[in-house]
Amino acid sequence: MPIKWRLAVLMADREVDYKQLAEMTQMHHVTVSKHKNMRVMPERLERATLEKYCKALNCQPGELMVYIPDSKSDDQI
């Protein structure tokens, strides 16, 4: 799990639920709910989606993602 997805954490910090975030971003509530429940960064995350989350949550992209080094991949480098 090299890149941890922190959307749920930021939503909790800002006391925003997935329906409110969907309204703020003009995204479908099912999409926001799926992204919220992910623990790793979505495989295909468009820049526009990331920008919407950052604007709505007043955050930087790096606040939504955290790199977690994997000891297995360190051995291969």
PDB file of N, CA and C in Angstrom:
ATOM      1  N   MET A   1       0.841  -1.187   0.000  1.00  0.00           N
ATOM      2  CA  MET A   1       0.000   0.000   0.000  1.00  0.00           C
ATOM      3  C   MET A   1       0.883   1.246   0.000  1.00  0.00           C
ATOM      4  N   PRO A   2       1.506   1.560  -1.114  1.00  0.00           N
ATOM      5  CA  PRO A   2       2.453   2.669  -1.134  1.00  0.00           C
ATOM      6  C   PRO A   2       1.842   4.068  -1.005  1.00  0.00           C
ATOM      7  N   ILE A   3       0.662   4.337  -1.550  1.00  0.00           N
ATOM      8  CA  ILE A   3       0.077   5.672  -1.429  1.00  0.00           C
ATOM      9  C   ILE A   3      -1.276   5.558  -0.736  1.00  0.00           C
ATOM     10  N   LYS A   4      -1.333   6.075   0.474  1.00  0.00           N
ATOM     11  CA  LYS A   4      -2.557   6.026   1.271  1.00  0.00           C
ATOM     12  C   LYS A   4      -3.455   7.190   0.874  1.00  0.00           C
ATOM     13  N   TRP A   5      -4.731   6.923   0.704  1.00  0.00           N
ATOM     14  CA  TRP A   5      -5.729   7.916   0.303  1.00  0.00           C
ATOM     15  C   TRP A   5      -6.420   8.438   1.555  1.00  0.00           C
ATOM     16  N   ARG A   6      -6.431   9.744   1.763  1.00  0.00           N
ATOM     17  CA  ARG A   6      -6.907  10.324   3.014  1.00  0.00           C
ATOM     18  C   ARG A   6      -8.168  11.172   2.867  1.00  0.00           C
ATOM     19  N   LEU A   7      -8.971  10.917   1.861  1.00  0.00           N
ATOM     20  CA  LEU A   7     -10.175  11.717   1.657  1.00  0.00           C
ATOM     21  C   LEU A   7     -11.103  11.625   2.864  1.00  0.00           C
ATOM     22  N   ALA A   8     -11.316  10.440   3.392  1.00  0.00           N
ATOM     23  CA  ALA A   8     -12.203  10.270   4.552  1.00  0.00           C
ATOM     24  C   ALA A   8     -11.701  11.064   5.752  1.00  0.00           C
ATOM     25  N   VAL A   9     -10.395  11.109   5.935  1.00  0.00           N
ATOM     26  CA  VAL A   9      -9.812  11.842   7.066  1.00  0.00           C
ATOM     27  C   VAL A   9     -10.083  13.338   6.920  1.00  0.00           C
ATOM     28  N   LEU A  10      -9.842  13.873   5.734  1.00  0.00           N
ATOM     29  CA  LEU A  10     -10.078  15.300   5.516  1.00  0.00           C
ATOM     30  C   LEU A  10     -11.558  15.643   5.644  1.00  0.00           C
ATOM     31  N   MET A  11     -12.421  14.769   5.150  1.00  0.00           N
ATOM     32  CA  MET A  11     -13.855  15.001   5.278  1.00  0.00           C
ATOM     33  C   MET A  11     -14.258  15.038   6.753  1.00  0.00           C
ATOM     34  N   ALA A  12     -13.720  14.123   7.542  1.00  0.00           N
ATOM     35  CA  ALA A  12     -14.036  14.093   8.972  1.00  0.00           C
ATOM     36  C   ALA A  12     -13.505  15.344   9.672  1.00  0.00           C
ATOM     37  N   ASP A  13     -12.293  15.759   9.334  1.00  0.00           N
ATOM     38  CA  ASP A  13     -11.708  16.962   9.926  1.00  0.00           C
ATOM     39  C   ASP A  13     -12.561  18.198   9.652  1.00  0.00           C
ATOM     40  N   ARG A  14     -13.147  18.237   8.470  1.00  0.00           N
ATOM     41  CA  ARG A  14     -13.931  19.404   8.072  1.00  0.00           C
ATOM     42  C   ARG A  14     -15.429  19.217   8.307  1.00  0.00           C
ATOM     43  N   GLU A  15     -15.777  18.073   8.887  1.00  0.00           N
ATOM     44  CA  GLU A  15     -17.167  17.746   9.198  1.00  0.00           C
ATOM     45  C   GLU A  15     -18.074  17.849   7.977  1.00  0.00           C
ATOM     46  N   VAL A  16     -17.637  17.208   6.902  1.00  0.00           N
ATOM     47  CA  VAL A  16     -18.379  17.183   5.645  1.00  0.00           C
ATOM     48  C   VAL A  16     -18.708  15.733   5.336  1.00  0.00           C
ATOM     49  N   ASP A  17     -19.977  15.443   5.036  1.00  0.00           N
ATOM     50  CA  ASP A  17     -20.307  14.071   4.651  1.00  0.00           C
ATOM     51  C   ASP A  17     -20.265  13.941   3.131  1.00  0.00           C
ATOM     52  N   TYR A  18     -20.405  12.716   2.644  1.00  0.00           N
ATOM     53  CA  TYR A  18     -20.215  12.478   1.213  1.00  0.00           C
ATOM     54  C   TYR A  18     -21.278  13.179   0.369  1.00  0.00           C
ATOM     55  N   LYS A  19     -22.484  13.327   0.890  1.00  0.00           N
ATOM     56  CA  LYS A  19     -23.526  14.025   0.122  1.00  0.00           C
ATOM     57  C   LYS A  19     -23.217  15.516   0.012  1.00  0.00           C
ATOM     58  N   GLN A  20     -22.720  16.104   1.090  1.00  0.00           N
ATOM     59  CA  GLN A  20     -22.329  17.511   1.045  1.00  0.00           C
ATOM     60  C   GLN A  20     -21.165  17.715   0.086  1.00  0.00           C
ATOM     61  N   LEU A  21     -20.178  16.813   0.149  1.00  0.00           N
ATOM     62  CA  LEU A  21     -19.024  16.932  -0.741  1.00  0.00           C
ATOM     63  C   LEU A  21     -19.443  16.745  -2.198  1.00  0.00           C
ATOM     64  N   ALA A  22     -20.370  15.847  -2.450  1.00  0.00           N
ATOM     65  CA  ALA A  22     -20.875  15.647  -3.811  1.00  0.00           C
ATOM     66  C   ALA A  22     -21.523  16.925  -4.330  1.00  0.00           C
ATOM     67  N   GLU A  23     -22.280  17.578  -3.474  1.00  0.00           N
ATOM     68  CA  GLU A  23     -22.921  18.828  -3.865  1.00  0.00           C
ATOM     69  C   GLU A  23     -21.881  19.919  -4.110  1.00  0.00           C
ATOM     70  N   MET A  24     -20.886  19.998  -3.238  1.00  0.00           N
ATOM     71  CA  MET A  24     -19.844  21.019  -3.367  1.00  0.00           C
ATOM     72  C   MET A  24     -19.005  20.829  -4.629  1.00  0.00           C
ATOM     73  N   THR A  25     -18.773  19.572  -5.007  1.00  0.00           N
ATOM     74  CA  THR A  25     -17.925  19.279  -6.163  1.00  0.00           C
ATOM     75  C   THR A  25     -18.725  19.078  -7.446  1.00  0.00           C
ATOM     76  N   GLN A  26     -20.043  19.000  -7.325  1.00  0.00           N
ATOM     77  CA  GLN A  26     -20.935  18.708  -8.443  1.00  0.00           C
ATOM     78  C   GLN A  26     -20.610  17.354  -9.062  1.00  0.00           C
ATOM     79  N   MET A  27     -20.215  16.418  -8.194  1.00  0.00           N
ATOM     80  CA  MET A  27     -19.947  15.046  -8.619  1.00  0.00           C
ATOM     81  C   MET A  27     -21.087  14.179  -8.109  1.00  0.00           C
ATOM     82  N   HIS A  28     -21.221  12.990  -8.691  1.00  0.00           N
ATOM     83  CA  HIS A  28     -22.264  12.066  -8.256  1.00  0.00           C
ATOM     84  C   HIS A  28     -21.940  11.557  -6.859  1.00  0.00           C
ATOM     85  N   HIS A  29     -22.952  11.462  -6.012  1.00  0.00           N
ATOM     86  CA  HIS A  29     -22.725  11.066  -4.620  1.00  0.00           C
ATOM     87  C   HIS A  29     -22.168   9.652  -4.495  1.00  0.00           C
ATOM     88  N   VAL A  30     -22.481   8.774  -5.444  1.00  0.00           N
ATOM     89  CA  VAL A  30     -21.938   7.412  -5.403  1.00  0.00           C
ATOM     90  C   VAL A  30     -20.426   7.437  -5.657  1.00  0.00           C
ATOM     91  N   THR A  31     -19.993   8.269  -6.575  1.00  0.00           N
ATOM     92  CA  THR A  31     -18.562   8.400  -6.862  1.00  0.00           C
ATOM     93  C   THR A  31     -17.820   8.919  -5.638  1.00  0.00           C
ATOM     94  N   VAL A  32     -18.358   9.946  -5.010  1.00  0.00           N
ATOM     95  CA  VAL A  32     -17.721  10.516  -3.822  1.00  0.00           C
ATOM     96  C   VAL A  32     -17.690   9.481  -2.705  1.00  0.00           C
ATOM     97  N   SER A  33     -18.775   8.748  -2.540  1.00  0.00           N
ATOM     98  CA  SER A  33     -18.825   7.716  -1.502  1.00  0.00           C
ATOM     99  C   SER A  33     -17.770   6.641  -1.751  1.00  0.00           C
ATOM    100  N   LYS A  34     -17.623   6.216  -2.994  1.00  0.00           N
ATOM    101  CA  LYS A  34     -16.597   5.215  -3.325  1.00  0.00           C
ATOM    102  C   LYS A  34     -15.200   5.750  -3.031  1.00  0.00           C
ATOM    103  N   HIS A  35     -14.933   6.977  -3.438  1.00  0.00           N
ATOM    104  CA  HIS A  35     -13.617   7.573  -3.170  1.00  0.00           C
ATOM    105  C   HIS A  35     -13.377   7.716  -1.675  1.00  0.00           C
ATOM    106  N   LYS A  36     -14.413   8.069  -0.929  1.00  0.00           N
ATOM    107  CA  LYS A  36     -14.280   8.233   0.520  1.00  0.00           C
ATOM    108  C   LYS A  36     -13.890   6.926   1.191  1.00  0.00           C
ATOM    109  N   ASN A  37     -14.433   5.835   0.726  1.00  0.00           N
ATOM    110  CA  ASN A  37     -14.213   4.536   1.371  1.00  0.00           C
ATOM    111  C   ASN A  37     -12.937   3.831   0.922  1.00  0.00           C
ATOM    112  N   MET A  38     -12.221   4.406  -0.017  1.00  0.00           N
ATOM    113  CA  MET A  38     -10.962   3.813  -0.466  1.00  0.00           C
ATOM    114  C   MET A  38      -9.858   4.104   0.545  1.00  0.00           C
ATOM    115  N   ARG A  39      -8.989   3.132   0.758  1.00  0.00           N
ATOM    116  CA  ARG A  39      -7.852   3.312   1.675  1.00  0.00           C
ATOM    117  C   ARG A  39      -6.561   3.587   0.907  1.00  0.00           C
ATOM    118  N   VAL A  40      -6.545   3.223  -0.366  1.00  0.00           N
ATOM    119  CA  VAL A  40      -5.399   3.526  -1.220  1.00  0.00           C
ATOM    120  C   VAL A  40      -5.861   4.492  -2.301  1.00  0.00           C
ATOM    121  N   MET A  41      -4.918   5.220  -2.849  1.00  0.00           N
ATOM    122  CA  MET A  41      -5.255   6.189  -3.881  1.00  0.00           C
ATOM    123  C   MET A  41      -5.930   5.493  -5.063  1.00  0.00           C
ATOM    124  N   PRO A  42      -7.007   6.069  -5.588  1.00  0.00           N
ATOM    125  CA  PRO A  42      -7.668   5.461  -6.749  1.00  0.00           C
ATOM    126  C   PRO A  42      -6.686   5.297  -7.907  1.00  0.00           C
ATOM    127  N   GLU A  43      -6.773   4.168  -8.587  1.00  0.00           N
ATOM    128  CA  GLU A  43      -5.868   3.895  -9.716  1.00  0.00           C
ATOM    129  C   GLU A  43      -5.967   4.971 -10.794  1.00  0.00           C
ATOM    130  N   ARG A  44      -7.185   5.361 -11.104  1.00  0.00           N
ATOM    131  CA  ARG A  44      -7.400   6.364 -12.146  1.00  0.00           C
ATOM    132  C   ARG A  44      -8.121   7.557 -11.544  1.00  0.00           C
ATOM    133  N   LEU A  45      -7.362   8.536 -11.164  1.00  0.00           N
ATOM    134  CA  LEU A  45      -7.922   9.750 -10.584  1.00  0.00           C
ATOM    135  C   LEU A  45      -7.565  10.907 -11.507  1.00  0.00           C
ATOM    136  N   GLU A  46      -8.577  11.491 -12.114  1.00  0.00           N
ATOM    137  CA  GLU A  46      -8.328  12.592 -13.044  1.00  0.00           C
ATOM    138  C   GLU A  46      -7.941  13.853 -12.282  1.00  0.00           C
ATOM    139  N   ARG A  47      -7.150  14.667 -12.943  1.00  0.00           N
ATOM    140  CA  ARG A  47      -6.697  15.921 -12.338  1.00  0.00           C
ATOM    141  C   ARG A  47      -7.886  16.797 -11.948  1.00  0.00           C
ATOM    142  N   ALA A  48      -8.915  16.829 -12.797  1.00  0.00           N
ATOM    143  CA  ALA A  48     -10.094  17.647 -12.515  1.00  0.00           C
ATOM    144  C   ALA A  48     -10.782  17.195 -11.229  1.00  0.00           C
ATOM    145  N   THR A  49     -10.823  15.891 -10.993  1.00  0.00           N
ATOM    146  CA  THR A  49     -11.432  15.360  -9.774  1.00  0.00           C
ATOM    147  C   THR A  49     -10.624  15.786  -8.558  1.00  0.00           C
ATOM    148  N   LEU A  50      -9.323  15.653  -8.640  1.00  0.00           N
ATOM    149  CA  LEU A  50      -8.444  16.058  -7.552  1.00  0.00           C
ATOM    150  C   LEU A  50      -8.607  17.554  -7.260  1.00  0.00           C
ATOM    151  N   GLU A  51      -8.690  18.357  -8.306  1.00  0.00           N
ATOM    152  CA  GLU A  51      -8.873  19.800  -8.141  1.00  0.00           C
ATOM    153  C   GLU A  51     -10.203  20.110  -7.451  1.00  0.00           C
ATOM    154  N   LYS A  52     -11.251  19.388  -7.803  1.00  0.00           N
ATOM    155  CA  LYS A  52     -12.555  19.605  -7.170  1.00  0.00           C
ATOM    156  C   LYS A  52     -12.502  19.298  -5.683  1.00  0.00           C
ATOM    157  N   TYR A  53     -11.868  18.189  -5.330  1.00  0.00           N
ATOM    158  CA  TYR A  53     -11.732  17.842  -3.914  1.00  0.00           C
ATOM    159  C   TYR A  53     -10.925  18.898  -3.171  1.00  0.00           C
ATOM    160  N   CYS A  54      -9.821  19.339  -3.761  1.00  0.00           N
ATOM    161  CA  CYS A  54      -8.974  20.343  -3.115  1.00  0.00           C
ATOM    162  C   CYS A  54      -9.720  21.661  -2.920  1.00  0.00           C
ATOM    163  N   LYS A  55     -10.462  22.066  -3.926  1.00  0.00           N
ATOM    164  CA  LYS A  55     -11.211  23.321  -3.827  1.00  0.00           C
ATOM    165  C   LYS A  55     -12.303  23.211  -2.764  1.00  0.00           C
ATOM    166  N   ALA A  56     -13.052  22.112  -2.778  1.00  0.00           N
ATOM    167  CA  ALA A  56     -14.162  21.941  -1.838  1.00  0.00           C
ATOM    168  C   ALA A  56     -13.680  21.805  -0.400  1.00  0.00           C
ATOM    169  N   LEU A  57     -12.561  21.122  -0.204  1.00  0.00           N
ATOM    170  CA  LEU A  57     -12.052  20.870   1.149  1.00  0.00           C
ATOM    171  C   LEU A  57     -10.987  21.870   1.580  1.00  0.00           C
ATOM    172  N   ASN A  58     -10.682  22.815   0.682  1.00  0.00           N
ATOM    173  CA  ASN A  58      -9.676  23.840   0.954  1.00  0.00           C
ATOM    174  C   ASN A  58      -8.371  23.190   1.422  1.00  0.00           C
ATOM    175  N   CYS A  59      -7.824  22.339   0.561  1.00  0.00           N
ATOM    176  CA  CYS A  59      -6.612  21.606   0.916  1.00  0.00           C
ATOM    177  C   CYS A  59      -5.664  21.533  -0.285  1.00  0.00           C
ATOM    178  N   GLN A  60      -4.492  21.025  -0.039  1.00  0.00           N
ATOM    179  CA  GLN A  60      -3.507  20.775  -1.080  1.00  0.00           C
ATOM    180  C   GLN A  60      -3.576  19.294  -1.467  1.00  0.00           C
ATOM    181  N   PRO A  61      -3.192  18.930  -2.708  1.00  0.00           N
ATOM    182  CA  PRO A  61      -3.231  17.523  -3.110  1.00  0.00           C
ATOM    183  C   PRO A  61      -2.468  16.609  -2.159  1.00  0.00           C
ATOM    184  N   GLY A  62      -1.365  17.083  -1.636  1.00  0.00           N
ATOM    185  CA  GLY A  62      -0.567  16.268  -0.722  1.00  0.00           C
ATOM    186  C   GLY A  62      -1.279  15.930   0.577  1.00  0.00           C
ATOM    187  N   GLU A  63      -2.302  16.697   0.926  1.00  0.00           N
ATOM    188  CA  GLU A  63      -3.069  16.394   2.129  1.00  0.00           C
ATOM    189  C   GLU A  63      -4.006  15.207   1.899  1.00  0.00           C
ATOM    190  N   LEU A  64      -4.316  14.931   0.633  1.00  0.00           N
ATOM    191  CA  LEU A  64      -5.185  13.809   0.291  1.00  0.00           C
ATOM    192  C   LEU A  64      -4.412  12.506   0.121  1.00  0.00           C
ATOM    193  N   MET A  65      -3.097  12.606  -0.017  1.00  0.00           N
ATOM    194  CA  MET A  65      -2.278  11.425  -0.262  1.00  0.00           C
ATOM    195  C   MET A  65      -1.071  11.413   0.663  1.00  0.00           C
ATOM    196  N   VAL A  66      -0.690  10.222   1.103  1.00  0.00           N
ATOM    197  CA  VAL A  66       0.516  10.047   1.908  1.00  0.00           C
ATOM    198  C   VAL A  66       1.261   8.845   1.363  1.00  0.00           C
ATOM    199  N   TYR A  67       2.541   9.029   1.081  1.00  0.00           N
ATOM    200  CA  TYR A  67       3.370   7.924   0.587  1.00  0.00           C
ATOM    201  C   TYR A  67       3.824   7.079   1.764  1.00  0.00           C
ATOM    202  N   ILE A  68       3.537   5.798   1.700  1.00  0.00           N
ATOM    203  CA  ILE A  68       3.961   4.848   2.728  1.00  0.00           C
ATOM    204  C   ILE A  68       4.972   3.903   2.085  1.00  0.00           C
ATOM    205  N   PRO A  69       6.246   4.019   2.419  1.00  0.00           N
ATOM    206  CA  PRO A  69       7.239   3.129   1.810  1.00  0.00           C
ATOM    207  C   PRO A  69       6.926   1.666   2.103  1.00  0.00           C
ATOM    208  N   ASP A  70       7.091   0.855   1.087  1.00  0.00           N
ATOM    209  CA  ASP A  70       6.877  -0.584   1.219  1.00  0.00           C
ATOM    210  C   ASP A  70       8.236  -1.243   1.324  1.00  0.00           C
ATOM    211  N   SER A  71       8.490  -1.949   2.380  1.00  0.00           N
ATOM    212  CA  SER A  71       9.812  -2.561   2.596  1.00  0.00           C
ATOM    213  C   SER A  71      10.173  -3.530   1.491  1.00  0.00           C
ATOM    214  N   LYS A  72       9.206  -4.172   0.872  1.00  0.00           N
ATOM    215  CA  LYS A  72       9.478  -5.106  -0.230  1.00  0.00           C
ATOM    216  C   LYS A  72      10.035  -4.367  -1.449  1.00  0.00           C
ATOM    217  N   SER A  73       9.442  -3.197  -1.768  1.00  0.00           N
ATOM    218  CA  SER A  73       9.915  -2.457  -2.932  1.00  0.00           C
ATOM    219  C   SER A  73      11.278  -1.836  -2.681  1.00  0.00           C
ATOM    220  N   ASP A  74      11.622  -1.544  -1.423  1.00  0.00           N
ATOM    221  CA  ASP A  74      12.921  -0.985  -1.096  1.00  0.00           C
ATOM    222  C   ASP A  74      14.041  -1.986  -1.422  1.00  0.00           C
ATOM    223  N   ASP A  75      13.762  -3.280  -1.241  1.00  0.00           N
ATOM    224  CA  ASP A  75      14.750  -4.309  -1.525  1.00  0.00           C
ATOM    225  C   ASP A  75      15.038  -4.433  -3.015  1.00  0.00           C
ATOM    226  N   GLN A  76      14.068  -4.050  -3.848  1.00  0.00           N
ATOM    227  CA  GLN A  76      14.214  -4.211  -5.296  1.00  0.00           C
ATOM    228  C   GLN A  76      14.905  -3.040  -5.948  1.00  0.00           C
ATOM    229  N   ILE A  77      15.047  -1.939  -5.267  1.00  0.00           N
ATOM    230  CA  ILE A  77      15.655  -0.744  -5.868  1.00  0.00           C
ATOM    231  C   ILE A  77      17.158  -0.861  -5.883  1.00  0.00           C
TER     232      ILE A  77
END
